[in-house]
Amino acid sequence: MGLFSQIAMLRDIPEEDLARGQIGTIVEVLSPTACIAEFLDEQGDTVAIRTLRTDDFMLLHHPAVVKVA
């Protein structure tokens, strides 16, 4: 888990309008088991900024991009 890592929610948080599967970005790492994540809408506006435990989300891994010259 690192700064600007992308995450996906593993559970709903209705009071924040966050749904399971929703994608967010880690904006601050608080400890090995907690972080602050930001969630955006389709227009790029912030929907929620929420402190989460690592069991609230999963890290998303993207394959390396290889450029062919």
N, C-alpha and C. Protein backbone atom coordinates (compact mmCIF):
# COMPACT_ATOMS: atom_id res chain seq x y z
N MET A 1 0.86 -1.17 0.00
CA MET A 1 0.00 0.00 0.00
C MET A 1 0.91 1.23 0.00
N GLY A 2 0.74 2.06 -0.99
CA GLY A 2 1.55 3.25 -1.08
C GLY A 2 0.73 4.45 -1.52
N LEU A 3 1.34 5.59 -1.39
CA LEU A 3 0.70 6.83 -1.79
C LEU A 3 0.32 6.76 -3.27
N PHE A 4 -0.89 7.15 -3.59
CA PHE A 4 -1.47 7.18 -4.93
C PHE A 4 -1.78 5.80 -5.50
N SER A 5 -1.74 4.75 -4.66
CA SER A 5 -2.18 3.43 -5.11
C SER A 5 -3.68 3.46 -5.35
N GLN A 6 -4.13 2.73 -6.36
CA GLN A 6 -5.56 2.63 -6.61
C GLN A 6 -6.11 1.46 -5.82
N ILE A 7 -7.34 1.64 -5.31
CA ILE A 7 -7.98 0.63 -4.49
C ILE A 7 -9.42 0.42 -4.98
N ALA A 8 -9.99 -0.71 -4.57
CA ALA A 8 -11.41 -0.98 -4.81
C ALA A 8 -12.04 -1.35 -3.47
N MET A 9 -13.18 -0.75 -3.19
CA MET A 9 -13.88 -1.01 -1.94
C MET A 9 -14.37 -2.46 -1.88
N LEU A 10 -14.25 -3.07 -0.70
CA LEU A 10 -14.74 -4.43 -0.48
C LEU A 10 -16.10 -4.46 0.21
N ARG A 11 -16.57 -3.30 0.67
CA ARG A 11 -17.87 -3.24 1.34
C ARG A 11 -18.52 -1.88 1.06
N ASP A 12 -19.81 -1.84 1.23
CA ASP A 12 -20.55 -0.58 1.09
C ASP A 12 -20.34 0.28 2.35
N ILE A 13 -20.27 1.59 2.16
CA ILE A 13 -20.32 2.55 3.25
C ILE A 13 -21.42 3.54 2.86
N PRO A 14 -22.68 3.20 3.16
CA PRO A 14 -23.82 3.99 2.69
C PRO A 14 -23.79 5.45 3.13
N GLU A 15 -23.32 5.71 4.34
CA GLU A 15 -23.30 7.10 4.83
C GLU A 15 -22.35 7.98 4.03
N GLU A 16 -21.44 7.39 3.27
CA GLU A 16 -20.51 8.14 2.41
C GLU A 16 -20.86 7.97 0.93
N ASP A 17 -21.95 7.26 0.64
CA ASP A 17 -22.33 6.93 -0.74
C ASP A 17 -21.23 6.17 -1.47
N LEU A 18 -20.51 5.31 -0.73
CA LEU A 18 -19.48 4.46 -1.33
C LEU A 18 -20.02 3.04 -1.45
N ALA A 19 -19.79 2.43 -2.60
CA ALA A 19 -20.31 1.10 -2.86
C ALA A 19 -19.17 0.11 -3.05
N ARG A 20 -19.45 -1.13 -2.72
CA ARG A 20 -18.49 -2.21 -2.97
C ARG A 20 -18.07 -2.16 -4.44
N GLY A 21 -16.77 -2.23 -4.69
CA GLY A 21 -16.26 -2.19 -6.05
C GLY A 21 -15.86 -0.81 -6.52
N GLN A 22 -16.28 0.22 -5.80
CA GLN A 22 -15.94 1.59 -6.19
C GLN A 22 -14.43 1.79 -6.09
N ILE A 23 -13.88 2.52 -7.06
CA ILE A 23 -12.44 2.74 -7.16
C ILE A 23 -12.07 4.06 -6.50
N GLY A 24 -10.96 4.04 -5.75
CA GLY A 24 -10.45 5.24 -5.11
C GLY A 24 -8.93 5.28 -5.20
N THR A 25 -8.35 6.34 -4.65
CA THR A 25 -6.91 6.52 -4.64
C THR A 25 -6.45 6.85 -3.23
N ILE A 26 -5.38 6.19 -2.79
CA ILE A 26 -4.82 6.47 -1.48
C ILE A 26 -4.11 7.82 -1.54
N VAL A 27 -4.51 8.74 -0.66
CA VAL A 27 -3.90 10.07 -0.64
C VAL A 27 -3.05 10.30 0.60
N GLU A 28 -3.15 9.40 1.59
CA GLU A 28 -2.27 9.47 2.76
C GLU A 28 -2.23 8.10 3.42
N VAL A 29 -1.03 7.64 3.75
CA VAL A 29 -0.86 6.39 4.48
C VAL A 29 -0.69 6.76 5.95
N LEU A 30 -1.59 6.27 6.79
CA LEU A 30 -1.56 6.59 8.22
C LEU A 30 -0.75 5.59 9.03
N SER A 31 -0.82 4.33 8.63
CA SER A 31 -0.12 3.25 9.31
C SER A 31 -0.12 2.06 8.35
N PRO A 32 0.51 0.96 8.75
CA PRO A 32 0.46 -0.23 7.88
C PRO A 32 -0.96 -0.79 7.68
N THR A 33 -1.89 -0.38 8.53
CA THR A 33 -3.25 -0.92 8.43
C THR A 33 -4.33 0.14 8.20
N ALA A 34 -3.93 1.38 7.93
CA ALA A 34 -4.93 2.44 7.73
C ALA A 34 -4.42 3.49 6.75
N CYS A 35 -5.36 4.07 6.02
CA CYS A 35 -5.01 5.12 5.06
C CYS A 35 -6.20 6.05 4.87
N ILE A 36 -5.96 7.13 4.16
CA ILE A 36 -7.04 8.01 3.72
C ILE A 36 -7.13 7.87 2.21
N ALA A 37 -8.34 7.66 1.71
CA ALA A 37 -8.56 7.49 0.28
C ALA A 37 -9.56 8.52 -0.23
N GLU A 38 -9.36 8.92 -1.47
CA GLU A 38 -10.25 9.87 -2.13
C GLU A 38 -10.99 9.14 -3.25
N PHE A 39 -12.27 9.45 -3.38
CA PHE A 39 -13.11 8.86 -4.40
C PHE A 39 -13.68 9.97 -5.27
N LEU A 40 -13.63 9.80 -6.58
CA LEU A 40 -14.07 10.81 -7.53
C LEU A 40 -15.27 10.31 -8.32
N ASP A 41 -16.06 11.26 -8.85
CA ASP A 41 -17.14 10.89 -9.76
C ASP A 41 -16.63 10.93 -11.20
N GLU A 42 -17.51 10.72 -12.15
CA GLU A 42 -17.12 10.66 -13.56
C GLU A 42 -16.54 11.97 -14.09
N GLN A 43 -16.89 13.09 -13.45
CA GLN A 43 -16.39 14.39 -13.88
C GLN A 43 -15.08 14.75 -13.18
N GLY A 44 -14.60 13.90 -12.28
CA GLY A 44 -13.36 14.16 -11.56
C GLY A 44 -13.54 14.96 -10.29
N ASP A 45 -14.80 15.15 -9.86
CA ASP A 45 -15.07 15.87 -8.62
C ASP A 45 -15.03 14.89 -7.44
N THR A 46 -14.53 15.36 -6.30
CA THR A 46 -14.43 14.52 -5.12
C THR A 46 -15.82 14.17 -4.60
N VAL A 47 -16.05 12.88 -4.42
CA VAL A 47 -17.30 12.37 -3.85
C VAL A 47 -17.12 12.15 -2.35
N ALA A 48 -15.96 11.61 -1.96
CA ALA A 48 -15.70 11.30 -0.56
C ALA A 48 -14.20 11.23 -0.31
N ILE A 49 -13.81 11.62 0.88
CA ILE A 49 -12.46 11.39 1.39
C ILE A 49 -12.68 10.67 2.71
N ARG A 50 -12.13 9.47 2.80
CA ARG A 50 -12.49 8.59 3.91
C ARG A 50 -11.27 7.87 4.47
N THR A 51 -11.19 7.79 5.80
CA THR A 51 -10.18 6.96 6.45
C THR A 51 -10.66 5.51 6.38
N LEU A 52 -9.80 4.63 5.90
CA LEU A 52 -10.15 3.22 5.72
C LEU A 52 -9.13 2.32 6.39
N ARG A 53 -9.59 1.15 6.79
CA ARG A 53 -8.69 0.08 7.24
C ARG A 53 -8.37 -0.80 6.03
N THR A 54 -7.26 -1.49 6.09
CA THR A 54 -6.88 -2.32 4.94
C THR A 54 -7.88 -3.42 4.64
N ASP A 55 -8.72 -3.81 5.61
CA ASP A 55 -9.73 -4.83 5.31
C ASP A 55 -10.99 -4.24 4.66
N ASP A 56 -11.02 -2.91 4.46
CA ASP A 56 -12.13 -2.26 3.76
C ASP A 56 -11.95 -2.27 2.24
N PHE A 57 -10.72 -2.52 1.77
CA PHE A 57 -10.43 -2.39 0.34
C PHE A 57 -9.40 -3.40 -0.11
N MET A 58 -9.26 -3.51 -1.42
CA MET A 58 -8.17 -4.30 -2.02
C MET A 58 -7.36 -3.38 -2.92
N LEU A 59 -6.07 -3.62 -2.97
CA LEU A 59 -5.20 -2.86 -3.87
C LEU A 59 -5.42 -3.35 -5.28
N LEU A 60 -5.40 -2.44 -6.23
CA LEU A 60 -5.49 -2.80 -7.64
C LEU A 60 -4.08 -2.76 -8.24
N HIS A 61 -3.77 -3.78 -8.98
CA HIS A 61 -2.45 -3.88 -9.60
C HIS A 61 -2.62 -3.79 -11.11
N HIS A 62 -1.82 -2.95 -11.72
CA HIS A 62 -1.88 -2.77 -13.16
C HIS A 62 -0.60 -3.32 -13.76
N PRO A 63 -0.70 -4.02 -14.87
CA PRO A 63 0.53 -4.54 -15.49
C PRO A 63 1.38 -3.39 -16.01
N ALA A 64 2.67 -3.62 -16.05
CA ALA A 64 3.59 -2.61 -16.58
C ALA A 64 3.28 -2.36 -18.05
N VAL A 65 3.40 -1.14 -18.47
CA VAL A 65 3.18 -0.77 -19.87
C VAL A 65 4.53 -0.79 -20.57
N VAL A 66 4.61 -1.56 -21.62
CA VAL A 66 5.85 -1.65 -22.40
C VAL A 66 5.63 -0.94 -23.71
N LYS A 67 6.44 0.08 -23.96
CA LYS A 67 6.31 0.83 -25.22
C LYS A 67 7.20 0.18 -26.27
N VAL A 68 6.62 0.01 -27.42
CA VAL A 68 7.36 -0.55 -28.56
C VAL A 68 7.72 0.60 -29.47
N ALA A 69 9.01 0.74 -29.73
CA ALA A 69 9.48 1.86 -30.57
C ALA A 69 9.29 1.58 -32.04
